[in-house]
């Protein structure tokens, strides 16, 4: 398993095996080692990053150099993950799904204090390989759907219900330790 004190020594673009994910994702989300970007993982849009723009829209057409594409992540019980924006007008807002619609969600101080809202709860699901994974959200509406965007970066409000939907695959790039991390 990875030792959190030695994560800075990891070779760039090392793909973390599935059984080592828990250590990587369990680091306190205030730690600089938890700054990530989420890039779409399908042929025409590899390198298009998820972000919250200044209108409060969650999209997937951002640039990797834009600080609004940087997120902290918080892992709660049962490995439920929440993504909190680190930059821009919506800094400290979390990504949320409500009634099947994608929106930012405000996080009061401390940053994880109001994260009990089930619309902010995402679960890492296995994909076809370790560097492209589907992000499934927990919802009272339908917990079998996946977070997804079309090829123009627009959110698909109801996501997809199939693991084969490549528009719902993302690469999680851990910015600080510079390695690819499977979701």
N, C-alpha and C. Protein backbone atom coordinates (compact mmCIF):
# COMPACT_ATOMS: atom_id res chain seq x y z
N UNK A 1 0.84 -1.19 0.00
CA UNK A 1 0.00 0.00 0.00
C UNK A 1 0.88 1.25 0.00
N UNK A 2 0.36 2.33 -0.52
CA UNK A 2 1.12 3.58 -0.58
C UNK A 2 1.23 4.21 0.80
N UNK A 3 2.41 4.69 1.13
CA UNK A 3 2.64 5.43 2.36
C UNK A 3 2.37 6.90 2.06
N UNK A 4 1.38 7.55 2.73
CA UNK A 4 1.05 8.94 2.43
C UNK A 4 2.25 9.89 2.53
N UNK A 5 3.22 9.57 3.40
CA UNK A 5 4.38 10.44 3.54
C UNK A 5 5.31 10.38 2.34
N UNK A 6 5.18 9.35 1.52
CA UNK A 6 6.09 9.18 0.40
C UNK A 6 5.41 9.37 -0.95
N UNK A 7 4.18 9.90 -0.97
CA UNK A 7 3.46 10.04 -2.24
C UNK A 7 4.16 10.99 -3.20
N UNK A 8 4.90 11.98 -2.67
CA UNK A 8 5.59 12.92 -3.55
C UNK A 8 6.67 12.24 -4.38
N UNK A 9 7.11 11.06 -3.98
CA UNK A 9 8.19 10.37 -4.67
C UNK A 9 7.69 9.47 -5.80
N UNK A 10 6.37 9.42 -5.99
CA UNK A 10 5.80 8.54 -7.01
C UNK A 10 6.18 9.04 -8.40
N UNK A 11 6.49 8.12 -9.28
CA UNK A 11 6.88 8.47 -10.64
C UNK A 11 5.69 9.07 -11.38
N UNK A 12 5.95 10.10 -12.18
CA UNK A 12 4.89 10.77 -12.93
C UNK A 12 4.13 9.78 -13.80
N UNK A 13 2.81 9.92 -13.80
CA UNK A 13 1.89 9.11 -14.61
C UNK A 13 1.87 7.63 -14.22
N UNK A 14 2.25 7.33 -12.99
CA UNK A 14 2.09 5.95 -12.52
C UNK A 14 0.60 5.67 -12.40
N UNK A 15 0.13 4.58 -12.95
CA UNK A 15 -1.27 4.20 -12.80
C UNK A 15 -1.39 3.40 -11.51
N UNK A 16 -2.22 3.87 -10.61
CA UNK A 16 -2.34 3.24 -9.30
C UNK A 16 -3.24 2.02 -9.42
N UNK A 17 -2.75 0.83 -9.04
CA UNK A 17 -3.58 -0.36 -9.11
C UNK A 17 -4.84 -0.21 -8.26
N UNK A 18 -5.89 -0.89 -8.66
CA UNK A 18 -7.19 -0.74 -8.00
C UNK A 18 -7.11 -0.97 -6.50
N UNK A 19 -6.33 -1.97 -6.06
CA UNK A 19 -6.29 -2.29 -4.64
C UNK A 19 -5.51 -1.26 -3.82
N UNK A 20 -4.89 -0.28 -4.47
CA UNK A 20 -4.17 0.76 -3.74
C UNK A 20 -4.95 2.06 -3.70
N UNK A 21 -6.12 2.10 -4.28
CA UNK A 21 -6.87 3.35 -4.36
C UNK A 21 -7.25 3.89 -2.99
N UNK A 22 -7.60 3.02 -2.07
CA UNK A 22 -8.11 3.48 -0.79
C UNK A 22 -7.13 4.43 -0.11
N UNK A 23 -5.83 4.10 -0.12
CA UNK A 23 -4.85 4.98 0.51
C UNK A 23 -4.79 6.32 -0.17
N UNK A 24 -4.82 6.34 -1.49
CA UNK A 24 -4.70 7.59 -2.23
C UNK A 24 -5.90 8.49 -1.97
N UNK A 25 -7.10 7.92 -1.96
CA UNK A 25 -8.30 8.73 -1.83
C UNK A 25 -8.67 9.04 -0.39
N UNK A 26 -8.01 8.42 0.59
CA UNK A 26 -8.38 8.63 1.97
C UNK A 26 -7.59 9.73 2.66
N UNK A 27 -6.68 10.38 1.95
CA UNK A 27 -5.91 11.46 2.53
C UNK A 27 -6.84 12.61 2.87
N UNK A 28 -6.60 13.30 3.97
CA UNK A 28 -7.43 14.46 4.34
C UNK A 28 -7.51 15.41 3.17
N UNK A 29 -8.71 15.84 2.82
CA UNK A 29 -8.87 16.63 1.60
C UNK A 29 -8.35 18.05 1.71
N UNK A 30 -7.91 18.48 2.89
CA UNK A 30 -7.26 19.79 3.00
C UNK A 30 -5.80 19.71 2.53
N UNK A 31 -5.28 18.51 2.48
CA UNK A 31 -3.89 18.29 2.10
C UNK A 31 -3.68 18.64 0.63
N UNK A 32 -2.58 19.30 0.31
CA UNK A 32 -2.29 19.66 -1.08
C UNK A 32 -2.17 18.44 -1.98
N UNK A 33 -1.89 17.27 -1.42
CA UNK A 33 -1.76 16.06 -2.22
C UNK A 33 -3.11 15.61 -2.78
N UNK A 34 -4.19 16.23 -2.36
CA UNK A 34 -5.53 15.82 -2.81
C UNK A 34 -6.09 16.73 -3.88
N UNK A 35 -5.28 17.53 -4.53
CA UNK A 35 -5.77 18.40 -5.59
C UNK A 35 -5.79 17.60 -6.88
N UNK A 36 -6.98 17.48 -7.49
CA UNK A 36 -7.12 16.66 -8.69
C UNK A 36 -7.83 17.42 -9.80
N UNK A 37 -7.72 16.90 -11.00
CA UNK A 37 -8.56 17.32 -12.12
C UNK A 37 -9.26 16.07 -12.63
N UNK A 38 -10.40 16.26 -13.29
CA UNK A 38 -11.16 15.16 -13.87
C UNK A 38 -11.28 15.41 -15.36
N UNK A 39 -10.60 14.61 -16.15
CA UNK A 39 -10.61 14.78 -17.60
C UNK A 39 -11.47 13.70 -18.24
N UNK A 40 -12.25 14.10 -19.25
CA UNK A 40 -13.05 13.10 -19.97
C UNK A 40 -12.13 12.12 -20.68
N UNK A 41 -12.57 10.89 -20.73
CA UNK A 41 -11.74 9.84 -21.28
C UNK A 41 -12.46 9.17 -22.44
N UNK A 42 -12.55 9.85 -23.55
CA UNK A 42 -12.97 9.19 -24.79
C UNK A 42 -12.34 9.92 -25.95
N UNK A 43 -12.19 9.23 -27.05
CA UNK A 43 -11.26 9.60 -28.11
C UNK A 43 -11.30 11.05 -28.55
N UNK A 44 -12.48 11.60 -28.78
CA UNK A 44 -12.53 12.96 -29.33
C UNK A 44 -12.31 14.04 -28.29
N UNK A 45 -12.45 13.71 -27.02
CA UNK A 45 -12.40 14.73 -25.99
C UNK A 45 -11.43 14.43 -24.86
N UNK A 46 -10.44 13.60 -25.09
CA UNK A 46 -9.44 13.38 -24.06
C UNK A 46 -8.78 14.72 -23.77
N UNK A 47 -8.66 15.06 -22.51
CA UNK A 47 -8.06 16.34 -22.15
C UNK A 47 -9.05 17.45 -21.95
N UNK A 48 -10.35 17.19 -22.06
CA UNK A 48 -11.37 18.18 -21.72
C UNK A 48 -11.70 17.99 -20.25
N UNK A 49 -11.53 19.04 -19.46
CA UNK A 49 -11.60 18.90 -18.01
C UNK A 49 -12.93 19.37 -17.43
N UNK A 50 -13.37 18.68 -16.38
CA UNK A 50 -14.57 19.10 -15.67
C UNK A 50 -14.25 20.37 -14.88
N UNK A 51 -15.21 21.29 -14.83
CA UNK A 51 -15.01 22.53 -14.09
C UNK A 51 -16.34 23.15 -13.73
N UNK A 52 -16.33 24.13 -12.83
CA UNK A 52 -17.50 24.94 -12.53
C UNK A 52 -17.19 26.33 -13.06
N UNK A 53 -17.92 26.75 -14.11
CA UNK A 53 -17.61 28.05 -14.70
C UNK A 53 -18.18 29.18 -13.84
N UNK A 54 -17.93 30.43 -14.24
CA UNK A 54 -18.34 31.57 -13.42
C UNK A 54 -19.84 31.82 -13.43
N UNK A 55 -20.59 31.05 -14.22
CA UNK A 55 -22.06 31.10 -14.18
C UNK A 55 -22.62 30.02 -13.26
N UNK A 56 -21.74 29.24 -12.65
CA UNK A 56 -22.18 28.19 -11.74
C UNK A 56 -22.58 26.91 -12.43
N UNK A 57 -22.20 26.75 -13.70
CA UNK A 57 -22.52 25.55 -14.45
C UNK A 57 -21.37 24.55 -14.33
N UNK A 58 -21.71 23.30 -14.09
CA UNK A 58 -20.70 22.25 -14.10
C UNK A 58 -20.63 21.73 -15.53
N UNK A 59 -19.47 21.85 -16.16
CA UNK A 59 -19.28 21.47 -17.56
C UNK A 59 -18.04 20.60 -17.68
N UNK A 60 -17.82 20.09 -18.87
CA UNK A 60 -16.61 19.30 -19.11
C UNK A 60 -15.95 19.76 -20.41
N UNK A 61 -15.64 21.06 -20.48
CA UNK A 61 -14.92 21.61 -21.63
C UNK A 61 -13.84 22.58 -21.16
N UNK A 62 -13.40 22.43 -19.91
CA UNK A 62 -12.38 23.32 -19.37
C UNK A 62 -10.98 22.93 -19.80
N UNK A 63 -10.05 23.85 -19.60
CA UNK A 63 -8.64 23.63 -19.93
C UNK A 63 -7.88 23.21 -18.68
N UNK A 64 -6.92 22.33 -18.85
CA UNK A 64 -6.16 21.82 -17.72
C UNK A 64 -5.37 22.87 -16.98
N UNK A 65 -5.08 24.01 -17.62
CA UNK A 65 -4.31 25.06 -16.97
C UNK A 65 -5.20 26.04 -16.20
N UNK A 66 -6.50 25.89 -16.29
CA UNK A 66 -7.46 26.78 -15.62
C UNK A 66 -7.64 26.31 -14.17
N UNK A 67 -7.41 27.22 -13.21
CA UNK A 67 -7.51 26.82 -11.80
C UNK A 67 -8.92 26.39 -11.42
N UNK A 68 -9.92 26.72 -12.22
CA UNK A 68 -11.30 26.31 -11.94
C UNK A 68 -11.52 24.83 -12.24
N UNK A 69 -10.56 24.17 -12.86
CA UNK A 69 -10.69 22.72 -13.11
C UNK A 69 -10.04 21.90 -11.98
N UNK A 70 -9.55 22.58 -10.96
CA UNK A 70 -8.92 21.88 -9.83
C UNK A 70 -9.95 21.61 -8.74
N UNK A 71 -9.93 20.41 -8.20
CA UNK A 71 -10.86 20.03 -7.14
C UNK A 71 -10.13 19.36 -6.00
N UNK A 72 -10.62 19.60 -4.77
CA UNK A 72 -10.27 18.75 -3.65
C UNK A 72 -11.30 17.62 -3.66
N UNK A 73 -10.94 16.49 -3.12
CA UNK A 73 -11.95 15.45 -2.97
C UNK A 73 -11.97 15.00 -1.53
N UNK A 74 -13.15 14.59 -1.08
CA UNK A 74 -13.35 14.14 0.27
C UNK A 74 -13.96 12.74 0.20
N UNK A 75 -13.41 11.82 0.93
CA UNK A 75 -13.93 10.46 0.95
C UNK A 75 -14.59 10.21 2.29
N UNK A 76 -15.88 9.86 2.25
CA UNK A 76 -16.62 9.56 3.47
C UNK A 76 -16.78 8.07 3.65
N UNK A 77 -17.76 7.70 4.46
CA UNK A 77 -18.02 6.29 4.71
C UNK A 77 -18.43 5.60 3.42
N UNK A 78 -18.13 4.32 3.35
CA UNK A 78 -18.46 3.51 2.17
C UNK A 78 -17.81 4.03 0.90
N UNK A 79 -16.69 4.75 1.04
CA UNK A 79 -15.93 5.30 -0.08
C UNK A 79 -16.77 6.20 -0.99
N UNK A 80 -17.69 6.94 -0.39
CA UNK A 80 -18.45 7.93 -1.15
C UNK A 80 -17.57 9.15 -1.31
N UNK A 81 -17.43 9.62 -2.54
CA UNK A 81 -16.52 10.71 -2.85
C UNK A 81 -17.31 11.97 -3.18
N UNK A 82 -16.78 13.13 -2.73
CA UNK A 82 -17.36 14.42 -3.06
C UNK A 82 -16.25 15.29 -3.64
N UNK A 83 -16.58 16.10 -4.64
CA UNK A 83 -15.58 16.94 -5.32
C UNK A 83 -15.87 18.41 -5.04
N UNK A 84 -14.87 19.12 -4.48
CA UNK A 84 -15.03 20.51 -4.07
C UNK A 84 -14.09 21.39 -4.89
N UNK A 85 -14.65 22.41 -5.54
CA UNK A 85 -13.87 23.29 -6.40
C UNK A 85 -12.84 24.08 -5.61
N UNK A 86 -11.63 24.20 -6.16
CA UNK A 86 -10.56 24.95 -5.50
C UNK A 86 -10.37 26.36 -6.05
N UNK A 87 -11.00 26.70 -7.17
CA UNK A 87 -10.73 28.01 -7.75
C UNK A 87 -11.95 28.66 -8.36
N UNK A 88 -11.82 29.95 -8.66
CA UNK A 88 -12.88 30.68 -9.34
C UNK A 88 -13.96 31.17 -8.40
N UNK A 89 -15.00 31.70 -8.98
CA UNK A 89 -16.12 32.27 -8.24
C UNK A 89 -16.78 31.23 -7.34
N UNK A 90 -16.75 29.97 -7.75
CA UNK A 90 -17.41 28.91 -6.99
C UNK A 90 -16.43 28.06 -6.18
N UNK A 91 -15.35 28.68 -5.73
CA UNK A 91 -14.39 28.00 -4.85
C UNK A 91 -15.14 27.52 -3.61
N UNK A 92 -14.82 26.32 -3.16
CA UNK A 92 -15.44 25.68 -2.01
C UNK A 92 -16.88 25.25 -2.25
N UNK A 93 -17.30 25.20 -3.51
CA UNK A 93 -18.59 24.61 -3.84
C UNK A 93 -18.33 23.18 -4.29
N UNK A 94 -19.26 22.29 -3.97
CA UNK A 94 -19.13 20.89 -4.37
C UNK A 94 -20.05 20.61 -5.54
N UNK A 95 -19.66 19.63 -6.36
CA UNK A 95 -20.51 19.18 -7.45
C UNK A 95 -21.67 18.38 -6.86
N UNK A 96 -22.86 18.62 -7.38
CA UNK A 96 -24.06 17.99 -6.86
C UNK A 96 -24.98 17.55 -7.98
N UNK A 97 -25.75 16.51 -7.74
CA UNK A 97 -26.81 16.09 -8.66
C UNK A 97 -28.12 16.16 -7.89
N UNK A 98 -29.07 16.95 -8.39
CA UNK A 98 -30.38 17.07 -7.76
C UNK A 98 -31.44 16.86 -8.82
N UNK A 99 -32.37 15.95 -8.57
CA UNK A 99 -33.42 15.65 -9.54
C UNK A 99 -32.84 15.36 -10.92
N UNK A 100 -31.68 14.71 -10.94
CA UNK A 100 -31.05 14.37 -12.20
C UNK A 100 -30.32 15.50 -12.86
N UNK A 101 -30.23 16.67 -12.21
CA UNK A 101 -29.55 17.82 -12.80
C UNK A 101 -28.24 18.09 -12.09
N UNK A 102 -27.24 18.44 -12.87
CA UNK A 102 -25.91 18.71 -12.34
C UNK A 102 -25.84 20.17 -11.89
N UNK A 103 -25.33 20.41 -10.69
CA UNK A 103 -25.20 21.78 -10.19
C UNK A 103 -24.09 21.84 -9.15
N UNK A 104 -23.54 23.05 -8.90
CA UNK A 104 -22.60 23.17 -7.78
C UNK A 104 -23.39 23.20 -6.47
N UNK A 105 -22.76 22.80 -5.41
CA UNK A 105 -23.40 22.73 -4.10
C UNK A 105 -22.51 23.44 -3.11
N UNK A 106 -23.04 24.39 -2.36
CA UNK A 106 -22.22 25.15 -1.43
C UNK A 106 -21.79 24.30 -0.25
N UNK A 107 -20.55 24.42 0.13
CA UNK A 107 -20.04 23.72 1.31
C UNK A 107 -19.64 24.76 2.34
N UNK A 108 -20.31 24.75 3.47
CA UNK A 108 -20.00 25.70 4.53
C UNK A 108 -18.71 25.30 5.22
N UNK A 109 -18.16 26.21 6.04
CA UNK A 109 -16.95 25.88 6.79
C UNK A 109 -17.32 25.09 8.03
N UNK A 110 -16.59 24.05 8.42
CA UNK A 110 -15.50 23.47 7.66
C UNK A 110 -16.01 22.84 6.37
N UNK A 111 -15.15 22.69 5.36
CA UNK A 111 -15.60 22.32 4.02
C UNK A 111 -16.46 21.07 3.92
N UNK A 112 -16.34 20.13 4.84
CA UNK A 112 -17.15 18.92 4.72
C UNK A 112 -18.35 18.91 5.65
N UNK A 113 -18.72 20.07 6.24
CA UNK A 113 -19.74 20.08 7.28
C UNK A 113 -21.15 19.79 6.77
N UNK A 114 -21.48 20.17 5.54
CA UNK A 114 -22.84 19.93 5.04
C UNK A 114 -22.84 18.96 3.87
N UNK A 115 -21.92 18.01 3.90
CA UNK A 115 -21.79 17.06 2.80
C UNK A 115 -22.69 15.85 2.96
N UNK A 116 -23.64 15.89 3.90
CA UNK A 116 -24.55 14.78 4.05
C UNK A 116 -25.60 14.72 2.96
N UNK A 117 -25.72 15.77 2.17
CA UNK A 117 -26.69 15.80 1.08
C UNK A 117 -26.38 14.67 0.11
N UNK A 118 -27.31 13.72 -0.10
CA UNK A 118 -27.01 12.59 -0.98
C UNK A 118 -26.72 13.00 -2.42
N UNK A 119 -27.13 14.21 -2.81
CA UNK A 119 -26.88 14.64 -4.19
C UNK A 119 -25.40 14.93 -4.44
N UNK A 120 -24.60 15.04 -3.37
CA UNK A 120 -23.16 15.28 -3.54
C UNK A 120 -22.36 13.98 -3.48
N UNK A 121 -23.03 12.86 -3.37
CA UNK A 121 -22.35 11.60 -3.15
C UNK A 121 -22.11 10.85 -4.45
N UNK A 122 -20.85 10.63 -4.74
CA UNK A 122 -20.44 9.91 -5.94
C UNK A 122 -19.71 8.64 -5.53
N UNK A 123 -19.83 7.61 -6.33
CA UNK A 123 -19.16 6.34 -6.05
C UNK A 123 -18.27 5.99 -7.21
N UNK A 124 -17.05 5.56 -6.92
CA UNK A 124 -16.14 5.13 -7.97
C UNK A 124 -16.58 3.76 -8.46
N UNK A 125 -16.75 3.62 -9.74
CA UNK A 125 -17.14 2.32 -10.31
C UNK A 125 -16.06 1.87 -11.28
N UNK A 126 -15.85 0.59 -11.36
CA UNK A 126 -14.82 0.07 -12.27
C UNK A 126 -15.25 0.25 -13.71
N UNK A 127 -14.30 0.59 -14.54
CA UNK A 127 -14.54 0.69 -15.96
C UNK A 127 -13.84 -0.45 -16.68
N UNK A 128 -13.52 -0.22 -17.95
CA UNK A 128 -12.88 -1.27 -18.73
C UNK A 128 -11.39 -1.38 -18.42
N UNK A 129 -10.80 -0.33 -17.88
CA UNK A 129 -9.40 -0.38 -17.47
C UNK A 129 -9.21 0.57 -16.30
N UNK A 130 -7.97 0.68 -15.80
CA UNK A 130 -7.76 1.41 -14.56
C UNK A 130 -7.59 2.91 -14.74
N UNK A 131 -7.34 3.39 -15.94
CA UNK A 131 -7.19 4.83 -16.07
C UNK A 131 -8.44 5.49 -16.62
N UNK A 132 -9.47 4.73 -16.92
CA UNK A 132 -10.74 5.30 -17.32
C UNK A 132 -11.84 4.68 -16.50
N UNK A 133 -12.46 5.45 -15.65
CA UNK A 133 -13.48 4.91 -14.75
C UNK A 133 -14.76 5.72 -14.86
N UNK A 134 -15.86 5.09 -14.56
CA UNK A 134 -17.15 5.76 -14.55
C UNK A 134 -17.41 6.33 -13.16
N UNK A 135 -18.04 7.50 -13.11
CA UNK A 135 -18.40 8.11 -11.85
C UNK A 135 -19.90 8.00 -11.71
N UNK A 136 -20.35 7.25 -10.74
CA UNK A 136 -21.78 7.05 -10.53
C UNK A 136 -22.23 7.92 -9.37
N UNK A 137 -23.37 8.58 -9.51
CA UNK A 137 -23.86 9.36 -8.38
C UNK A 137 -24.97 8.63 -7.66
N UNK A 138 -25.05 8.91 -6.37
CA UNK A 138 -26.12 8.36 -5.55
C UNK A 138 -27.28 9.34 -5.60
N UNK A 139 -28.46 8.86 -5.84
CA UNK A 139 -29.60 9.75 -6.00
C UNK A 139 -30.86 9.06 -5.54
N UNK A 140 -31.76 9.83 -4.95
CA UNK A 140 -33.06 9.27 -4.58
C UNK A 140 -33.87 9.00 -5.85
N UNK A 141 -33.52 9.66 -6.93
CA UNK A 141 -34.23 9.48 -8.19
C UNK A 141 -33.83 8.15 -8.84
N UNK A 142 -32.56 7.95 -9.01
CA UNK A 142 -32.07 6.74 -9.67
C UNK A 142 -30.58 6.59 -9.35
N UNK A 143 -30.23 5.61 -8.55
CA UNK A 143 -28.83 5.46 -8.14
C UNK A 143 -28.02 4.61 -9.11
N UNK A 144 -28.58 4.27 -10.25
CA UNK A 144 -27.85 3.45 -11.22
C UNK A 144 -27.34 4.25 -12.40
N UNK A 145 -27.36 5.56 -12.32
CA UNK A 145 -26.94 6.39 -13.44
C UNK A 145 -25.52 6.90 -13.22
N UNK A 146 -24.90 7.31 -14.32
CA UNK A 146 -23.52 7.77 -14.28
C UNK A 146 -23.44 9.23 -14.70
N UNK A 147 -22.56 9.96 -14.06
CA UNK A 147 -22.29 11.34 -14.43
C UNK A 147 -21.73 11.36 -15.84
N UNK A 148 -22.28 12.20 -16.71
CA UNK A 148 -21.84 12.19 -18.11
C UNK A 148 -22.03 13.55 -18.75
N UNK A 149 -21.22 13.80 -19.78
CA UNK A 149 -21.27 15.04 -20.56
C UNK A 149 -21.26 14.68 -22.03
N UNK A 150 -21.89 15.52 -22.86
CA UNK A 150 -21.83 15.26 -24.30
C UNK A 150 -20.51 15.77 -24.86
N UNK A 151 -20.32 15.65 -26.17
CA UNK A 151 -19.04 16.01 -26.77
C UNK A 151 -18.78 17.51 -26.79
N UNK A 152 -19.78 18.31 -26.50
CA UNK A 152 -19.58 19.76 -26.40
C UNK A 152 -19.34 20.20 -24.96
N UNK A 153 -19.31 19.25 -24.03
CA UNK A 153 -19.05 19.57 -22.63
C UNK A 153 -20.30 19.83 -21.83
N UNK A 154 -21.48 19.69 -22.45
CA UNK A 154 -22.74 19.92 -21.74
C UNK A 154 -23.09 18.71 -20.88
N UNK A 155 -23.57 18.96 -19.65
CA UNK A 155 -23.97 17.82 -18.82
C UNK A 155 -25.18 17.11 -19.40
N UNK A 156 -25.20 15.81 -19.26
CA UNK A 156 -26.37 15.02 -19.64
C UNK A 156 -27.17 14.82 -18.36
N UNK A 157 -28.27 15.56 -18.19
CA UNK A 157 -28.96 15.62 -16.90
C UNK A 157 -29.29 14.28 -16.27
N UNK A 158 -29.64 13.30 -17.07
CA UNK A 158 -29.97 12.00 -16.49
C UNK A 158 -28.82 11.01 -16.61
N UNK A 159 -27.69 11.46 -17.10
CA UNK A 159 -26.54 10.58 -17.20
C UNK A 159 -26.81 9.40 -18.12
N UNK A 160 -26.12 8.32 -17.88
CA UNK A 160 -26.30 7.11 -18.65
C UNK A 160 -26.52 5.95 -17.70
N UNK A 161 -27.19 4.93 -18.16
CA UNK A 161 -27.44 3.76 -17.31
C UNK A 161 -26.56 2.58 -17.70
N UNK A 162 -25.64 2.78 -18.61
CA UNK A 162 -24.82 1.67 -19.09
C UNK A 162 -23.35 1.92 -18.84
N UNK A 163 -22.64 0.88 -18.41
CA UNK A 163 -21.19 0.98 -18.23
C UNK A 163 -20.47 1.26 -19.54
N UNK A 164 -21.13 0.98 -20.66
CA UNK A 164 -20.50 1.15 -21.97
C UNK A 164 -20.51 2.60 -22.43
N UNK A 165 -21.16 3.49 -21.69
CA UNK A 165 -21.25 4.89 -22.11
C UNK A 165 -19.92 5.59 -21.86
N UNK A 166 -19.10 5.70 -22.90
CA UNK A 166 -17.76 6.25 -22.74
C UNK A 166 -17.78 7.72 -22.35
N UNK A 167 -18.86 8.43 -22.61
CA UNK A 167 -18.95 9.84 -22.20
C UNK A 167 -18.95 9.97 -20.69
N UNK A 168 -19.16 8.87 -19.98
CA UNK A 168 -19.16 8.89 -18.53
C UNK A 168 -17.85 8.41 -17.93
N UNK A 169 -16.81 8.31 -18.75
CA UNK A 169 -15.51 7.87 -18.23
C UNK A 169 -14.59 9.07 -18.05
N UNK A 170 -13.85 9.05 -16.95
CA UNK A 170 -12.95 10.15 -16.63
C UNK A 170 -11.60 9.62 -16.18
N UNK A 171 -10.58 10.41 -16.43
CA UNK A 171 -9.27 10.16 -15.84
C UNK A 171 -9.17 11.11 -14.66
N UNK A 172 -8.80 10.57 -13.52
CA UNK A 172 -8.57 11.41 -12.34
C UNK A 172 -7.08 11.66 -12.26
N UNK A 173 -6.68 12.91 -12.42
CA UNK A 173 -5.27 13.27 -12.40
C UNK A 173 -4.95 13.96 -11.09
N UNK A 174 -4.10 13.33 -10.27
CA UNK A 174 -3.72 13.91 -9.00
C UNK A 174 -2.62 14.93 -9.28
N UNK A 175 -2.96 16.21 -9.18
CA UNK A 175 -2.10 17.29 -9.64
C UNK A 175 -0.80 17.37 -8.86
N UNK A 176 -0.88 17.32 -7.55
CA UNK A 176 0.29 17.57 -6.73
C UNK A 176 1.32 16.47 -6.82
N UNK A 177 0.89 15.21 -6.75
CA UNK A 177 1.86 14.13 -6.81
C UNK A 177 2.14 13.69 -8.24
N UNK A 178 1.45 14.31 -9.19
CA UNK A 178 1.69 14.09 -10.62
C UNK A 178 1.63 12.63 -11.02
N UNK A 179 0.47 12.05 -10.88
CA UNK A 179 0.28 10.69 -11.36
C UNK A 179 -1.18 10.49 -11.72
N UNK A 180 -1.45 9.54 -12.58
CA UNK A 180 -2.82 9.20 -12.90
C UNK A 180 -3.36 8.31 -11.79
N UNK A 181 -4.57 8.58 -11.37
CA UNK A 181 -5.19 7.85 -10.29
C UNK A 181 -6.53 7.35 -10.77
N UNK A 182 -6.79 6.07 -10.66
CA UNK A 182 -8.08 5.54 -11.09
C UNK A 182 -9.17 6.01 -10.14
N UNK A 183 -10.32 6.32 -10.70
CA UNK A 183 -11.44 6.74 -9.85
C UNK A 183 -12.06 5.53 -9.17
